[in-house]
N, C-alpha and C. Protein backbone atom coordinates (compact mmCIF):
# COMPACT_ATOMS: atom_id res chain seq x y z
N MET A 1 -17.21 21.26 15.81
CA MET A 1 -15.87 20.70 15.78
C MET A 1 -15.77 19.69 16.90
N LEU A 2 -15.08 18.63 16.62
CA LEU A 2 -14.87 17.60 17.63
C LEU A 2 -13.40 17.52 17.98
N GLY A 3 -13.08 17.78 19.20
CA GLY A 3 -11.77 17.51 19.77
C GLY A 3 -10.57 18.18 19.15
N TYR A 4 -9.44 17.84 19.70
CA TYR A 4 -8.12 18.31 19.26
C TYR A 4 -8.01 19.83 19.23
N LYS A 5 -8.88 20.51 19.99
CA LYS A 5 -8.87 21.98 20.09
C LYS A 5 -9.03 22.67 18.72
N GLY A 6 -9.65 21.96 17.75
CA GLY A 6 -9.86 22.53 16.42
C GLY A 6 -8.63 22.54 15.56
N LYS A 7 -7.59 21.84 16.01
CA LYS A 7 -6.31 21.89 15.31
C LYS A 7 -6.04 20.68 14.42
N LYS A 8 -7.03 19.78 14.28
CA LYS A 8 -6.78 18.63 13.41
C LYS A 8 -6.63 19.11 11.97
N ILE A 9 -5.72 18.50 11.28
CA ILE A 9 -5.35 18.91 9.92
C ILE A 9 -5.97 17.96 8.91
N ARG A 10 -6.52 18.53 7.85
CA ARG A 10 -7.05 17.76 6.73
C ARG A 10 -6.58 18.40 5.44
N ASP A 11 -6.34 17.54 4.45
CA ASP A 11 -6.05 18.12 3.14
C ASP A 11 -7.36 18.22 2.36
N ASN A 12 -7.37 19.10 1.40
CA ASN A 12 -8.58 19.39 0.62
C ASN A 12 -8.20 19.42 -0.84
N ILE A 13 -9.05 18.82 -1.67
CA ILE A 13 -8.78 18.83 -3.11
C ILE A 13 -10.07 19.22 -3.83
N HIS A 14 -9.92 20.06 -4.82
CA HIS A 14 -11.06 20.47 -5.64
C HIS A 14 -11.42 19.31 -6.57
N SER A 15 -12.69 19.13 -6.84
CA SER A 15 -13.12 18.03 -7.71
C SER A 15 -12.48 18.13 -9.09
N PHE A 16 -12.24 19.34 -9.58
CA PHE A 16 -11.57 19.53 -10.86
C PHE A 16 -10.17 18.90 -10.84
N ASP A 17 -9.45 19.12 -9.74
CA ASP A 17 -8.11 18.56 -9.63
C ASP A 17 -8.14 17.04 -9.52
N LEU A 18 -9.12 16.50 -8.78
CA LEU A 18 -9.25 15.05 -8.66
C LEU A 18 -9.59 14.42 -10.00
N VAL A 19 -10.56 14.98 -10.69
CA VAL A 19 -10.94 14.45 -12.01
C VAL A 19 -9.77 14.59 -12.99
N GLY A 20 -9.00 15.67 -12.86
CA GLY A 20 -7.82 15.84 -13.71
C GLY A 20 -6.83 14.71 -13.53
N ALA A 21 -6.66 14.25 -12.30
CA ALA A 21 -5.78 13.10 -12.05
C ALA A 21 -6.33 11.85 -12.72
N PHE A 22 -7.64 11.65 -12.64
CA PHE A 22 -8.26 10.49 -13.29
C PHE A 22 -8.05 10.55 -14.81
N VAL A 23 -8.28 11.71 -15.39
CA VAL A 23 -8.13 11.87 -16.84
C VAL A 23 -6.71 11.54 -17.28
N GLU A 24 -5.73 12.09 -16.57
CA GLU A 24 -4.34 11.83 -16.96
C GLU A 24 -3.96 10.37 -16.76
N PHE A 25 -4.50 9.72 -15.73
CA PHE A 25 -4.23 8.30 -15.54
C PHE A 25 -4.84 7.49 -16.68
N ILE A 26 -6.07 7.83 -17.07
CA ILE A 26 -6.75 7.09 -18.15
C ILE A 26 -5.99 7.22 -19.45
N ARG A 27 -5.34 8.35 -19.67
CA ARG A 27 -4.55 8.54 -20.89
C ARG A 27 -3.33 7.63 -20.94
N ALA A 28 -2.81 7.25 -19.78
CA ALA A 28 -1.63 6.38 -19.72
C ALA A 28 -1.75 5.46 -18.51
N PRO A 29 -2.70 4.51 -18.55
CA PRO A 29 -2.94 3.67 -17.38
C PRO A 29 -1.75 2.74 -17.08
N ARG A 30 -1.63 2.40 -15.81
CA ARG A 30 -0.59 1.48 -15.35
C ARG A 30 -1.28 0.40 -14.52
N SER A 31 -1.24 -0.81 -15.00
CA SER A 31 -1.93 -1.92 -14.37
C SER A 31 -1.42 -2.17 -12.95
N GLY A 32 -2.35 -2.37 -12.02
CA GLY A 32 -2.01 -2.75 -10.66
C GLY A 32 -1.47 -1.63 -9.78
N GLU A 33 -1.46 -0.40 -10.25
CA GLU A 33 -0.92 0.72 -9.47
C GLU A 33 -1.95 1.22 -8.45
N VAL A 34 -1.46 1.72 -7.35
CA VAL A 34 -2.29 2.32 -6.31
C VAL A 34 -1.74 3.72 -6.05
N TYR A 35 -2.64 4.70 -5.98
CA TYR A 35 -2.22 6.09 -5.82
C TYR A 35 -2.95 6.75 -4.67
N ASN A 36 -2.29 7.70 -4.02
CA ASN A 36 -2.94 8.62 -3.10
C ASN A 36 -3.20 9.89 -3.88
N ILE A 37 -4.45 10.34 -3.84
CA ILE A 37 -4.80 11.61 -4.47
C ILE A 37 -5.53 12.43 -3.41
N GLY A 38 -5.01 13.59 -3.10
CA GLY A 38 -5.62 14.48 -2.12
C GLY A 38 -4.96 15.83 -2.24
N GLY A 39 -5.30 16.71 -1.37
CA GLY A 39 -4.75 18.06 -1.43
C GLY A 39 -3.29 18.16 -1.01
N SER A 40 -2.79 17.15 -0.31
CA SER A 40 -1.41 17.07 0.15
C SER A 40 -0.99 18.35 0.88
N ARG A 41 0.28 18.68 0.82
CA ARG A 41 0.76 19.92 1.44
C ARG A 41 0.40 21.14 0.59
N HIS A 42 -0.09 20.88 -0.62
CA HIS A 42 -0.52 21.97 -1.50
C HIS A 42 -1.74 22.69 -0.92
N SER A 43 -2.65 21.93 -0.33
CA SER A 43 -3.93 22.50 0.09
C SER A 43 -4.44 21.79 1.34
N ASN A 44 -4.02 22.28 2.51
CA ASN A 44 -4.48 21.67 3.75
C ASN A 44 -4.64 22.74 4.81
N SER A 45 -5.36 22.39 5.86
CA SER A 45 -5.56 23.35 6.95
C SER A 45 -6.10 22.63 8.17
N SER A 46 -5.99 23.30 9.29
CA SER A 46 -6.69 22.85 10.49
C SER A 46 -8.13 23.36 10.39
N MET A 47 -8.99 22.83 11.25
CA MET A 47 -10.37 23.32 11.29
C MET A 47 -10.39 24.81 11.62
N LEU A 48 -9.56 25.23 12.58
CA LEU A 48 -9.52 26.64 12.95
C LEU A 48 -9.05 27.52 11.79
N GLU A 49 -8.05 27.06 11.05
CA GLU A 49 -7.57 27.82 9.89
C GLU A 49 -8.64 27.92 8.82
N ALA A 50 -9.35 26.80 8.58
CA ALA A 50 -10.41 26.81 7.57
C ALA A 50 -11.54 27.75 7.97
N ILE A 51 -11.91 27.73 9.24
CA ILE A 51 -12.96 28.63 9.73
C ILE A 51 -12.54 30.08 9.56
N ALA A 52 -11.30 30.40 9.95
CA ALA A 52 -10.81 31.78 9.81
C ALA A 52 -10.81 32.21 8.35
N LEU A 53 -10.43 31.33 7.45
CA LEU A 53 -10.41 31.67 6.03
C LEU A 53 -11.83 31.85 5.50
N CYS A 54 -12.75 31.01 5.93
CA CYS A 54 -14.16 31.18 5.53
C CYS A 54 -14.71 32.50 6.04
N GLU A 55 -14.36 32.87 7.25
CA GLU A 55 -14.82 34.15 7.80
C GLU A 55 -14.22 35.32 7.03
N GLU A 56 -12.96 35.19 6.64
CA GLU A 56 -12.31 36.25 5.84
C GLU A 56 -12.98 36.39 4.48
N ILE A 57 -13.23 35.26 3.84
CA ILE A 57 -13.85 35.27 2.50
C ILE A 57 -15.26 35.82 2.55
N SER A 58 -16.03 35.40 3.55
CA SER A 58 -17.44 35.80 3.63
C SER A 58 -17.64 37.17 4.28
N GLY A 59 -16.64 37.61 5.05
CA GLY A 59 -16.79 38.86 5.79
C GLY A 59 -17.74 38.73 6.98
N ARG A 60 -17.99 37.49 7.39
CA ARG A 60 -18.91 37.24 8.50
C ARG A 60 -18.31 36.22 9.46
N LYS A 61 -18.72 36.31 10.71
CA LYS A 61 -18.35 35.30 11.70
C LYS A 61 -19.23 34.07 11.48
N LEU A 62 -18.63 32.89 11.53
CA LEU A 62 -19.39 31.65 11.38
C LEU A 62 -19.92 31.20 12.74
N THR A 63 -21.10 30.61 12.72
CA THR A 63 -21.64 29.99 13.92
C THR A 63 -20.97 28.63 14.05
N ARG A 64 -20.44 28.34 15.23
CA ARG A 64 -19.75 27.07 15.41
C ARG A 64 -19.87 26.62 16.85
N SER A 65 -19.60 25.36 17.05
CA SER A 65 -19.57 24.82 18.40
C SER A 65 -18.38 23.87 18.50
N TYR A 66 -17.99 23.62 19.73
CA TYR A 66 -16.84 22.76 19.95
C TYR A 66 -17.15 21.77 21.06
N LYS A 67 -16.78 20.52 20.83
CA LYS A 67 -16.89 19.48 21.86
C LYS A 67 -15.49 18.97 22.13
N GLU A 68 -15.14 18.92 23.38
CA GLU A 68 -13.79 18.50 23.79
C GLU A 68 -13.48 17.06 23.37
N THR A 69 -14.51 16.24 23.29
CA THR A 69 -14.33 14.82 22.95
C THR A 69 -13.82 14.68 21.52
N ASN A 70 -12.76 13.90 21.35
CA ASN A 70 -12.24 13.61 20.01
C ASN A 70 -13.17 12.63 19.31
N ARG A 71 -13.30 12.76 18.02
CA ARG A 71 -14.11 11.82 17.26
C ARG A 71 -13.47 10.45 17.33
N ILE A 72 -14.25 9.43 17.59
CA ILE A 72 -13.72 8.07 17.67
C ILE A 72 -13.13 7.69 16.32
N GLY A 73 -11.88 7.25 16.34
CA GLY A 73 -11.20 6.85 15.11
C GLY A 73 -10.65 8.01 14.30
N GLY A 74 -10.85 9.23 14.78
CA GLY A 74 -10.39 10.39 14.03
C GLY A 74 -8.90 10.63 14.20
N ASN A 75 -8.22 10.88 13.11
CA ASN A 75 -6.80 11.22 13.14
C ASN A 75 -6.64 12.71 13.42
N ILE A 76 -5.62 13.07 14.15
CA ILE A 76 -5.37 14.49 14.40
C ILE A 76 -4.76 15.14 13.17
N TRP A 77 -4.11 14.37 12.35
CA TRP A 77 -3.41 14.94 11.19
C TRP A 77 -3.57 13.99 10.01
N TRP A 78 -4.08 14.50 8.90
CA TRP A 78 -4.15 13.69 7.68
C TRP A 78 -3.85 14.58 6.49
N VAL A 79 -2.71 14.32 5.88
CA VAL A 79 -2.32 15.01 4.66
C VAL A 79 -1.80 13.93 3.71
N SER A 80 -2.44 13.81 2.56
CA SER A 80 -2.06 12.76 1.60
C SER A 80 -0.67 12.98 1.05
N GLU A 81 0.07 11.90 0.91
CA GLU A 81 1.37 11.93 0.26
C GLU A 81 1.13 11.61 -1.21
N VAL A 82 1.28 12.60 -2.08
CA VAL A 82 0.95 12.43 -3.49
C VAL A 82 2.19 12.38 -4.39
N GLY A 83 3.36 12.21 -3.81
CA GLY A 83 4.59 12.19 -4.60
C GLY A 83 4.58 11.15 -5.70
N LYS A 84 4.15 9.93 -5.38
CA LYS A 84 4.09 8.87 -6.41
C LYS A 84 3.12 9.27 -7.52
N SER A 85 1.98 9.82 -7.13
CA SER A 85 0.98 10.24 -8.13
C SER A 85 1.56 11.29 -9.05
N GLN A 86 2.25 12.26 -8.48
CA GLN A 86 2.82 13.34 -9.29
C GLN A 86 3.96 12.83 -10.17
N ASN A 87 4.69 11.83 -9.70
CA ASN A 87 5.81 11.30 -10.50
C ASN A 87 5.35 10.38 -11.61
N THR A 88 4.28 9.60 -11.39
CA THR A 88 3.85 8.64 -12.41
C THR A 88 2.68 9.13 -13.25
N ILE A 89 2.09 10.25 -12.86
CA ILE A 89 1.05 10.91 -13.67
C ILE A 89 1.57 12.34 -13.89
N PRO A 90 2.63 12.48 -14.67
CA PRO A 90 3.35 13.76 -14.73
C PRO A 90 2.56 14.95 -15.27
N LEU A 91 1.53 14.71 -16.05
CA LEU A 91 0.75 15.84 -16.58
C LEU A 91 -0.30 16.33 -15.59
N TRP A 92 -0.46 15.61 -14.47
CA TRP A 92 -1.42 16.04 -13.46
C TRP A 92 -0.79 17.10 -12.57
N LYS A 93 -1.47 18.22 -12.45
CA LYS A 93 -1.01 19.33 -11.62
C LYS A 93 -2.20 19.87 -10.82
N PHE A 94 -1.94 20.37 -9.62
CA PHE A 94 -2.98 21.05 -8.86
C PHE A 94 -3.28 22.38 -9.54
N ARG A 95 -4.54 22.72 -9.59
CA ARG A 95 -4.95 24.01 -10.12
C ARG A 95 -5.52 24.91 -9.02
N TYR A 96 -6.22 24.31 -8.07
CA TYR A 96 -6.94 25.08 -7.06
C TYR A 96 -6.25 25.03 -5.69
N SER A 97 -6.07 26.20 -5.09
CA SER A 97 -5.57 26.30 -3.72
C SER A 97 -6.75 26.17 -2.76
N LEU A 98 -6.45 26.05 -1.48
CA LEU A 98 -7.51 26.00 -0.48
C LEU A 98 -8.38 27.26 -0.54
N ARG A 99 -7.76 28.41 -0.64
CA ARG A 99 -8.52 29.67 -0.72
C ARG A 99 -9.45 29.64 -1.93
N GLU A 100 -8.97 29.21 -3.07
CA GLU A 100 -9.81 29.17 -4.27
C GLU A 100 -10.98 28.19 -4.11
N ILE A 101 -10.72 27.06 -3.45
CA ILE A 101 -11.79 26.09 -3.19
C ILE A 101 -12.87 26.73 -2.33
N LEU A 102 -12.45 27.36 -1.24
CA LEU A 102 -13.43 27.97 -0.32
C LEU A 102 -14.13 29.18 -0.95
N GLU A 103 -13.42 29.94 -1.76
CA GLU A 103 -14.07 31.06 -2.46
C GLU A 103 -15.13 30.55 -3.42
N GLU A 104 -14.85 29.46 -4.11
CA GLU A 104 -15.84 28.89 -5.04
C GLU A 104 -17.06 28.37 -4.29
N ILE A 105 -16.83 27.72 -3.16
CA ILE A 105 -17.96 27.25 -2.34
C ILE A 105 -18.80 28.45 -1.88
N HIS A 106 -18.14 29.51 -1.44
CA HIS A 106 -18.86 30.70 -0.98
C HIS A 106 -19.70 31.30 -2.11
N ARG A 107 -19.13 31.39 -3.30
CA ARG A 107 -19.90 31.93 -4.44
C ARG A 107 -21.10 31.04 -4.77
N ALA A 108 -20.92 29.72 -4.66
CA ALA A 108 -22.01 28.81 -4.98
C ALA A 108 -23.16 28.93 -3.98
N ILE A 109 -22.80 29.13 -2.72
CA ILE A 109 -23.82 29.25 -1.67
C ILE A 109 -24.44 30.64 -1.67
N ASN A 110 -23.65 31.63 -2.04
CA ASN A 110 -24.08 33.04 -2.04
C ASN A 110 -23.88 33.63 -3.44
N PRO A 111 -24.76 33.31 -4.38
CA PRO A 111 -24.54 33.73 -5.77
C PRO A 111 -24.41 35.24 -5.97
N CYS A 112 -24.88 36.04 -5.04
CA CYS A 112 -24.77 37.50 -5.18
C CYS A 112 -23.45 38.03 -4.60
N ALA A 113 -22.63 37.13 -4.03
CA ALA A 113 -21.35 37.56 -3.45
C ALA A 113 -20.41 37.98 -4.57
N GLU A 114 -19.51 38.87 -4.24
CA GLU A 114 -18.56 39.39 -5.23
C GLU A 114 -17.72 38.29 -5.81
């Protein structure tokens, strides 16, 4: 982890949800439009929250390190504003929560996990 005491916030989106937005846009394209697509407030966490959730899901402590120096150019907080996307692509909905994303990653890395 780099800087911000592990509290920098990032949103997370499952590839299924991202592709779902693309599919719905392709069904009703709008010329010249620009959209933000990300996990928004639906699915976001700090690094510390994500680590704690990964440890809960895996039942193991993660090996980690921390450097006090902030990453150059790194934002402390980034959560996509997807209101326009949700309003103009009305059939697009989030399916996966942060927990579901991390559980799926855990299963993929550990195929024998429950």
